[in-house]
């Protein structure tokens, strides 16, 4: 493994990181890929933890929709209302965020309490 490789995280790592952030007093949202179709960069079960202060751990897309998911996570932290996001080739937003590869995925975002 080279020094320039991207670290991979397991769901346990993301949950442990999110729990540690909560223990530090951070407000945290957790995004989880619930379904994928076609070409999707991350499998179902992949997770991204986001704090109100902007810390992030994990990945739900290999980068192409992380920004959009992080935005929704921030709103979810504020409102406490979970959301189910649907990204895909037929969704105009998918092109904006860079998911033009033909895949589709659903991401559930919830605030950790």
Protein backbone atom coordinates (compact mmCIF):
# COMPACT_ATOMS: atom_id res chain seq x y z
CA UNK A 1 0.00 0.00 0.00
CA UNK A 2 1.50 3.34 -0.99
CA UNK A 3 1.58 6.42 1.20
CA UNK A 4 -0.81 8.16 -1.22
CA UNK A 5 -3.67 5.66 -1.01
CA UNK A 6 -7.10 6.76 0.14
CA UNK A 7 -8.08 5.20 3.46
CA UNK A 8 -11.13 2.97 3.42
CA UNK A 9 -13.62 3.06 6.25
CA UNK A 10 -15.94 0.33 7.46
CA UNK A 11 -19.41 1.14 8.79
CA UNK A 12 -18.08 0.38 12.28
CA UNK A 13 -15.35 3.03 11.82
CA UNK A 14 -17.90 5.67 10.75
CA UNK A 15 -20.26 4.86 13.62
CA UNK A 16 -17.37 4.92 16.12
CA UNK A 17 -16.20 8.27 14.74
CA UNK A 18 -19.76 9.70 14.88
CA UNK A 19 -20.16 8.43 18.46
CA UNK A 20 -16.82 10.02 19.45
CA UNK A 21 -17.89 13.34 17.93
CA UNK A 22 -21.22 13.16 19.81
CA UNK A 23 -19.28 12.46 23.03
CA UNK A 24 -17.27 15.64 22.35
CA UNK A 25 -20.54 17.59 22.20
CA UNK A 26 -20.80 17.84 18.40
CA UNK A 27 -24.16 17.69 16.64
CA UNK A 28 -23.91 14.88 14.07
CA UNK A 29 -25.92 13.60 11.11
CA UNK A 30 -25.41 10.20 9.54
CA UNK A 31 -26.05 9.52 5.84
CA UNK A 32 -26.44 5.89 4.73
CA UNK A 33 -26.74 4.52 1.18
CA UNK A 34 -29.95 2.44 1.29
CA UNK A 35 -30.26 1.34 -2.35
CA UNK A 36 -28.21 1.44 -5.54
CA UNK A 37 -28.95 0.65 -9.20
CA UNK A 38 -26.58 0.44 -12.14
CA UNK A 39 -23.22 2.15 -11.88
CA UNK A 40 -22.88 3.38 -8.30
CA UNK A 41 -19.50 4.27 -6.77
CA UNK A 42 -20.37 3.06 -3.23
CA UNK A 43 -22.43 0.01 -2.19
CA UNK A 44 -25.57 0.02 -0.05
CA UNK A 45 -24.62 0.39 3.59
CA UNK A 46 -21.88 2.96 2.90
CA UNK A 47 -22.02 5.84 5.36
CA UNK A 48 -20.98 9.47 5.76
CA UNK A 49 -20.96 11.23 9.14
CA UNK A 50 -21.20 15.04 9.13
CA UNK A 51 -20.96 17.43 12.08
CA UNK A 52 -22.47 20.89 12.42
CA UNK A 53 -18.92 22.28 12.55
CA UNK A 54 -18.17 20.72 9.14
CA UNK A 55 -16.19 17.58 10.00
CA UNK A 56 -16.84 14.59 7.73
CA UNK A 57 -15.89 10.91 7.81
CA UNK A 58 -16.70 8.17 5.35
CA UNK A 59 -18.29 8.38 1.90
CA UNK A 60 -21.60 7.73 0.19
CA UNK A 61 -20.50 8.35 -3.37
CA UNK A 62 -16.79 8.47 -3.90
CA UNK A 63 -17.12 12.25 -4.00
CA UNK A 64 -19.66 12.99 -6.73
CA UNK A 65 -22.62 13.81 -4.43
CA UNK A 66 -20.87 14.28 -1.07
CA UNK A 67 -21.40 18.06 -1.13
CA UNK A 68 -25.14 17.77 -1.73
CA UNK A 69 -25.49 15.10 0.98
CA UNK A 70 -23.44 17.21 3.42
CA UNK A 71 -25.76 20.19 2.74
CA UNK A 72 -28.81 18.08 3.54
CA UNK A 73 -27.06 16.68 6.63
CA UNK A 74 -26.56 20.24 7.92
CA UNK A 75 -30.28 20.97 7.43
CA UNK A 76 -31.16 17.68 9.14
CA UNK A 77 -29.00 18.65 12.14
CA UNK A 78 -30.93 21.94 12.36
CA UNK A 79 -34.43 20.53 11.90
CA UNK A 80 -34.06 17.02 13.30
CA UNK A 81 -36.16 15.77 10.37
CA UNK A 82 -34.72 12.72 8.59
CA UNK A 83 -34.69 12.77 4.79
CA UNK A 84 -34.47 10.19 2.01
CA UNK A 85 -32.51 11.52 -0.96
CA UNK A 86 -32.83 10.04 -4.44
CA UNK A 87 -29.99 10.67 -6.92
CA UNK A 88 -29.95 9.34 -10.45
CA UNK A 89 -29.44 9.92 -14.11
CA UNK A 90 -33.04 11.09 -14.56
CA UNK A 91 -32.72 13.61 -11.74
CA UNK A 92 -31.60 17.04 -12.95
CA UNK A 93 -29.75 17.51 -9.65
CA UNK A 94 -27.68 14.39 -10.40
CA UNK A 95 -26.03 16.20 -13.33
CA UNK A 96 -25.35 19.24 -11.14
CA UNK A 97 -23.57 17.16 -8.51
CA UNK A 98 -21.69 14.98 -11.00
CA UNK A 99 -23.65 11.71 -10.96
CA UNK A 100 -23.83 11.46 -14.73
CA UNK A 101 -22.45 7.91 -14.81
CA UNK A 102 -25.85 6.27 -15.25
CA UNK A 103 -26.19 5.03 -11.69
CA UNK A 104 -28.87 5.74 -9.14
CA UNK A 105 -28.76 5.69 -5.38
CA UNK A 106 -30.88 6.50 -2.37
CA UNK A 107 -29.34 7.99 0.75
CA UNK A 108 -31.09 8.22 4.14
CA UNK A 109 -29.95 11.14 6.31
CA UNK A 110 -30.72 11.29 10.04
CA UNK A 111 -29.58 13.31 13.03
CA UNK A 112 -27.90 11.32 15.78
CA UNK A 113 -29.29 11.98 19.22
